[in-house]
Amino acid sequence: MFDRKAWAKAYYAKNKEHLRDKQREWEAANQDSIAERKRVQRSGNEATAEMKKAWQQANSAKVAEYNKKWKQANRDRHNALGAKRHAAKMNRTPPWLTKKHFTEIKEFYIMAKLMTEKTGVAHEVDHIVPLQGETVSGLHVPWNLQVIKRSANRAKRNHLS
């Protein structure tokens, strides 16, 4: 497995002088924007949020392209975040879940991605007891999740079995 941190550390050690020179050149050429950014940061989070929002609006195509690439490269994390948001929206995530529980939930989405890649058959994370079942409603918790084939999940719909 590729160790990005080790590679970056070695690259920096090898190119230390060159990288410092490039940083100094950039800082000299961008003193005004650096000063503005520091001023905004000192003024508080609202100003920082406004500056970030303005940059995102001015660079919407760049932001959309970045988000698209991230989503494609991190499909499992994107699905886990989407499920978390959906469950919270439906008020199906209990407030007493710990970080360990959320980590376990993310692992189900990672497992689904790995199984899809290994077998070539699409897999999804399924709620054993559906979040919006006809007779009973489950919670978005690790012990209510399982990884199954996409076709089986679609056939199951909002039913227990």
C-alpha atoms as a PDB file:
ATOM      1  CA  MET A   1       0.000   0.000   0.000  1.00  0.00           C
ATOM      2  CA  PHE A   2       1.273   3.472  -0.886  1.00  0.00           C
ATOM      3  CA  ASP A   3       2.348   5.487   2.156  1.00  0.00           C
ATOM      4  CA  ARG A   4       1.662   9.082   1.154  1.00  0.00           C
ATOM      5  CA  LYS A   5       3.029  10.573   4.385  1.00  0.00           C
ATOM      6  CA  ALA A   6       6.357   8.785   4.025  1.00  0.00           C
ATOM      7  CA  TRP A   7       6.591   9.808   0.371  1.00  0.00           C
ATOM      8  CA  ALA A   8       5.793  13.463   1.200  1.00  0.00           C
ATOM      9  CA  LYS A   9       8.365  13.510   3.996  1.00  0.00           C
ATOM     10  CA  ALA A  10      11.062  12.108   1.702  1.00  0.00           C
ATOM     11  CA  TYR A  11      10.102  14.510  -1.091  1.00  0.00           C
ATOM     12  CA  TYR A  12      10.259  17.487   1.265  1.00  0.00           C
ATOM     13  CA  ALA A  13      13.657  16.408   2.633  1.00  0.00           C
ATOM     14  CA  LYS A  14      15.013  16.043  -0.898  1.00  0.00           C
ATOM     15  CA  ASN A  15      13.586  19.354  -2.204  1.00  0.00           C
ATOM     16  CA  LYS A  16      13.655  21.502   0.946  1.00  0.00           C
ATOM     17  CA  GLU A  17      15.531  24.491  -0.541  1.00  0.00           C
ATOM     18  CA  HIS A  18      13.515  24.558  -3.747  1.00  0.00           C
ATOM     19  CA  LEU A  19      10.207  24.393  -1.879  1.00  0.00           C
ATOM     20  CA  ARG A  20      11.258  27.199   0.496  1.00  0.00           C
ATOM     21  CA  ASP A  21      12.240  29.406  -2.457  1.00  0.00           C
ATOM     22  CA  LYS A  22       8.913  28.772  -4.197  1.00  0.00           C
ATOM     23  CA  GLN A  23       7.036  29.588  -0.961  1.00  0.00           C
ATOM     24  CA  ARG A  24       8.922  32.869  -0.532  1.00  0.00           C
ATOM     25  CA  GLU A  25       8.266  33.837  -4.171  1.00  0.00           C
ATOM     26  CA  TRP A  26       4.563  33.144  -3.785  1.00  0.00           C
ATOM     27  CA  GLU A  27       4.355  35.112  -0.525  1.00  0.00           C
ATOM     28  CA  ALA A  28       6.135  38.099  -2.109  1.00  0.00           C
ATOM     29  CA  ALA A  29       3.753  38.050  -5.079  1.00  0.00           C
ATOM     30  CA  ASN A  30       0.630  37.693  -2.915  1.00  0.00           C
ATOM     31  CA  GLN A  31       1.225  39.993   0.057  1.00  0.00           C
ATOM     32  CA  ASP A  32      -2.089  41.798  -0.389  1.00  0.00           C
ATOM     33  CA  SER A  33      -4.223  38.652  -0.411  1.00  0.00           C
ATOM     34  CA  ILE A  34      -2.265  37.217   2.536  1.00  0.00           C
ATOM     35  CA  ALA A  35      -2.845  40.395   4.549  1.00  0.00           C
ATOM     36  CA  GLU A  36      -6.566  40.352   3.666  1.00  0.00           C
ATOM     37  CA  ARG A  37      -6.894  36.705   4.661  1.00  0.00           C
ATOM     38  CA  LYS A  38      -5.172  37.340   7.999  1.00  0.00           C
ATOM     39  CA  ARG A  39      -7.414  40.353   8.656  1.00  0.00           C
ATOM     40  CA  VAL A  40     -10.531  38.302   7.953  1.00  0.00           C
ATOM     41  CA  GLN A  41      -9.328  35.429  10.140  1.00  0.00           C
ATOM     42  CA  ARG A  42      -8.708  37.796  13.052  1.00  0.00           C
ATOM     43  CA  SER A  43     -12.213  39.228  12.705  1.00  0.00           C
ATOM     44  CA  GLY A  44     -13.844  35.865  13.492  1.00  0.00           C
ATOM     45  CA  ASN A  45     -15.608  32.869  12.031  1.00  0.00           C
ATOM     46  CA  GLU A  46     -18.448  34.771  10.347  1.00  0.00           C
ATOM     47  CA  ALA A  47     -16.028  36.770   8.211  1.00  0.00           C
ATOM     48  CA  THR A  48     -14.088  33.616   7.368  1.00  0.00           C
ATOM     49  CA  ALA A  49     -17.299  31.847   6.390  1.00  0.00           C
ATOM     50  CA  GLU A  50     -18.312  34.777   4.184  1.00  0.00           C
ATOM     51  CA  MET A  51     -14.914  34.804   2.500  1.00  0.00           C
ATOM     52  CA  LYS A  52     -15.106  31.047   1.897  1.00  0.00           C
ATOM     53  CA  LYS A  53     -18.631  31.342   0.514  1.00  0.00           C
ATOM     54  CA  ALA A  54     -17.601  34.171  -1.819  1.00  0.00           C
ATOM     55  CA  TRP A  55     -14.633  32.142  -3.089  1.00  0.00           C
ATOM     56  CA  GLN A  56     -16.839  29.089  -3.661  1.00  0.00           C
ATOM     57  CA  GLN A  57     -19.357  31.162  -5.620  1.00  0.00           C
ATOM     58  CA  ALA A  58     -16.618  32.729  -7.731  1.00  0.00           C
ATOM     59  CA  ASN A  59     -15.087  29.302  -8.391  1.00  0.00           C
ATOM     60  CA  SER A  60     -18.231  27.174  -8.589  1.00  0.00           C
ATOM     61  CA  ALA A  61     -16.993  25.117 -11.542  1.00  0.00           C
ATOM     62  CA  LYS A  62     -13.740  24.315  -9.745  1.00  0.00           C
ATOM     63  CA  VAL A  63     -15.621  23.380  -6.555  1.00  0.00           C
ATOM     64  CA  ALA A  64     -18.073  21.173  -8.478  1.00  0.00           C
ATOM     65  CA  GLU A  65     -15.228  19.383 -10.271  1.00  0.00           C
ATOM     66  CA  TYR A  66     -13.366  18.818  -6.987  1.00  0.00           C
ATOM     67  CA  ASN A  67     -16.521  17.480  -5.301  1.00  0.00           C
ATOM     68  CA  LYS A  68     -17.226  15.177  -8.249  1.00  0.00           C
ATOM     69  CA  LYS A  69     -13.690  13.731  -8.163  1.00  0.00           C
ATOM     70  CA  TRP A  70     -13.814  13.304  -4.373  1.00  0.00           C
ATOM     71  CA  LYS A  71     -17.158  11.526  -4.593  1.00  0.00           C
ATOM     72  CA  GLN A  72     -15.841   9.126  -7.258  1.00  0.00           C
ATOM     73  CA  ALA A  73     -12.634   8.414  -5.336  1.00  0.00           C
ATOM     74  CA  ASN A  74     -14.408   8.043  -1.962  1.00  0.00           C
ATOM     75  CA  ARG A  75     -17.679   6.337  -2.873  1.00  0.00           C
ATOM     76  CA  ASP A  76     -17.813   4.448   0.443  1.00  0.00           C
ATOM     77  CA  ARG A  77     -17.330   7.580   2.555  1.00  0.00           C
ATOM     78  CA  HIS A  78     -19.831   9.493   0.425  1.00  0.00           C
ATOM     79  CA  ASN A  79     -22.431   6.753   0.901  1.00  0.00           C
ATOM     80  CA  ALA A  80     -21.793   6.608   4.663  1.00  0.00           C
ATOM     81  CA  LEU A  81     -22.220  10.385   4.966  1.00  0.00           C
ATOM     82  CA  GLY A  82     -25.365  10.271   2.843  1.00  0.00           C
ATOM     83  CA  ALA A  83     -26.874   7.506   4.968  1.00  0.00           C
ATOM     84  CA  LYS A  84     -25.956   9.374   8.143  1.00  0.00           C
ATOM     85  CA  ARG A  85     -27.604  12.546   6.830  1.00  0.00           C
ATOM     86  CA  HIS A  86     -30.690  10.642   5.652  1.00  0.00           C
ATOM     87  CA  ALA A  87     -31.070   8.827   8.994  1.00  0.00           C
ATOM     88  CA  ALA A  88     -30.610  12.048  10.957  1.00  0.00           C
ATOM     89  CA  LYS A  89     -33.168  13.763   8.738  1.00  0.00           C
ATOM     90  CA  MET A  90     -35.643  11.018   9.552  1.00  0.00           C
ATOM     91  CA  ASN A  91     -34.620  11.257  13.219  1.00  0.00           C
ATOM     92  CA  ARG A  92     -33.452   7.631  13.190  1.00  0.00           C
ATOM     93  CA  THR A  93     -29.915   8.139  14.576  1.00  0.00           C
ATOM     94  CA  PRO A  94     -29.963   8.022  18.383  1.00  0.00           C
ATOM     95  CA  PRO A  95     -28.033  10.768  20.206  1.00  0.00           C
ATOM     96  CA  TRP A  96     -26.264   8.259  22.458  1.00  0.00           C
ATOM     97  CA  LEU A  97     -24.146   6.771  19.658  1.00  0.00           C
ATOM     98  CA  THR A  98     -20.416   7.117  20.284  1.00  0.00           C
ATOM     99  CA  LYS A  99     -17.576   7.805  17.847  1.00  0.00           C
ATOM    100  CA  LYS A 100     -16.851   4.073  17.925  1.00  0.00           C
ATOM    101  CA  HIS A 101     -20.399   3.366  16.728  1.00  0.00           C
ATOM    102  CA  PHE A 102     -20.037   5.845  13.852  1.00  0.00           C
ATOM    103  CA  THR A 103     -16.708   4.226  12.931  1.00  0.00           C
ATOM    104  CA  GLU A 104     -18.404   0.815  12.866  1.00  0.00           C
ATOM    105  CA  ILE A 105     -21.121   2.234  10.600  1.00  0.00           C
ATOM    106  CA  LYS A 106     -18.486   3.619   8.194  1.00  0.00           C
ATOM    107  CA  GLU A 107     -16.833   0.181   8.109  1.00  0.00           C
ATOM    108  CA  PHE A 108     -20.038  -1.329   6.689  1.00  0.00           C
ATOM    109  CA  TYR A 109     -19.863   1.104   3.756  1.00  0.00           C
ATOM    110  CA  ILE A 110     -16.168   0.330   3.236  1.00  0.00           C
ATOM    111  CA  MET A 111     -16.993  -3.395   3.281  1.00  0.00           C
ATOM    112  CA  ALA A 112     -19.755  -2.892   0.691  1.00  0.00           C
ATOM    113  CA  LYS A 113     -17.325  -1.071  -1.597  1.00  0.00           C
ATOM    114  CA  LEU A 114     -14.650  -3.763  -1.189  1.00  0.00           C
ATOM    115  CA  MET A 115     -17.130  -6.581  -1.843  1.00  0.00           C
ATOM    116  CA  THR A 116     -18.361  -4.798  -4.979  1.00  0.00           C
ATOM    117  CA  GLU A 117     -14.791  -4.385  -6.240  1.00  0.00           C
ATOM    118  CA  LYS A 118     -13.797  -7.983  -5.407  1.00  0.00           C
ATOM    119  CA  THR A 119     -16.841  -9.779  -6.781  1.00  0.00           C
ATOM    120  CA  GLY A 120     -17.891  -7.400  -9.548  1.00  0.00           C
ATOM    121  CA  VAL A 121     -21.439  -7.592  -8.180  1.00  0.00           C
ATOM    122  CA  ALA A 122     -22.866  -4.407  -6.666  1.00  0.00           C
ATOM    123  CA  HIS A 123     -23.299  -4.557  -2.872  1.00  0.00           C
ATOM    124  CA  GLU A 124     -25.069  -2.098  -0.573  1.00  0.00           C
ATOM    125  CA  VAL A 125     -25.520  -1.506   3.129  1.00  0.00           C
ATOM    126  CA  ASP A 126     -28.983  -2.563   4.246  1.00  0.00           C
ATOM    127  CA  HIS A 127     -30.912  -1.772   7.407  1.00  0.00           C
ATOM    128  CA  ILE A 128     -32.090  -5.122   8.781  1.00  0.00           C
ATOM    129  CA  VAL A 129     -35.076  -3.407  10.395  1.00  0.00           C
ATOM    130  CA  PRO A 130     -36.037  -0.693   7.869  1.00  0.00           C
ATOM    131  CA  LEU A 131     -35.875   2.949   8.927  1.00  0.00           C
ATOM    132  CA  GLN A 132     -39.400   3.456   7.631  1.00  0.00           C
ATOM    133  CA  GLY A 133     -40.992   0.014   7.815  1.00  0.00           C
ATOM    134  CA  GLU A 134     -44.723  -0.534   7.551  1.00  0.00           C
ATOM    135  CA  THR A 135     -45.068  -2.288  10.908  1.00  0.00           C
ATOM    136  CA  VAL A 136     -41.827  -1.385  12.721  1.00  0.00           C
ATOM    137  CA  SER A 137     -39.085   1.215  12.312  1.00  0.00           C
ATOM    138  CA  GLY A 138     -35.421   0.580  13.017  1.00  0.00           C
ATOM    139  CA  LEU A 139     -32.526   2.816  13.929  1.00  0.00           C
ATOM    140  CA  HIS A 140     -29.379   3.796  12.026  1.00  0.00           C
ATOM    141  CA  VAL A 141     -27.048   1.867  14.360  1.00  0.00           C
ATOM    142  CA  PRO A 142     -24.251  -0.655  13.636  1.00  0.00           C
ATOM    143  CA  TRP A 143     -26.207  -3.684  14.871  1.00  0.00           C
ATOM    144  CA  ASN A 144     -29.025  -2.891  12.433  1.00  0.00           C
ATOM    145  CA  LEU A 145     -26.777  -2.930   9.352  1.00  0.00           C
ATOM    146  CA  GLN A 146     -25.672  -5.654   6.966  1.00  0.00           C
ATOM    147  CA  VAL A 147     -23.934  -5.768   3.575  1.00  0.00           C
ATOM    148  CA  ILE A 148     -25.990  -7.509   0.893  1.00  0.00           C
ATOM    149  CA  LYS A 149     -26.180  -7.578  -2.897  1.00  0.00           C
ATOM    150  CA  ARG A 150     -27.848  -4.547  -4.452  1.00  0.00           C
ATOM    151  CA  SER A 151     -30.471  -6.726  -6.149  1.00  0.00           C
ATOM    152  CA  ALA A 152     -31.417  -8.322  -2.803  1.00  0.00           C
ATOM    153  CA  ASN A 153     -31.605  -4.913  -1.127  1.00  0.00           C
ATOM    154  CA  ARG A 154     -33.850  -3.535  -3.866  1.00  0.00           C
ATOM    155  CA  ALA A 155     -36.081  -6.606  -3.724  1.00  0.00           C
ATOM    156  CA  LYS A 156     -36.355  -6.331   0.079  1.00  0.00           C
ATOM    157  CA  ARG A 157     -37.534  -2.698  -0.077  1.00  0.00           C
ATOM    158  CA  ASN A 158     -38.985  -1.603   3.300  1.00  0.00           C
ATOM    159  CA  HIS A 159     -39.562  -5.097   4.650  1.00  0.00           C
ATOM    160  CA  LEU A 160     -37.909  -7.026   7.474  1.00  0.00           C
ATOM    161  CA  SER A 161     -36.727 -10.082   5.550  1.00  0.00           C
END
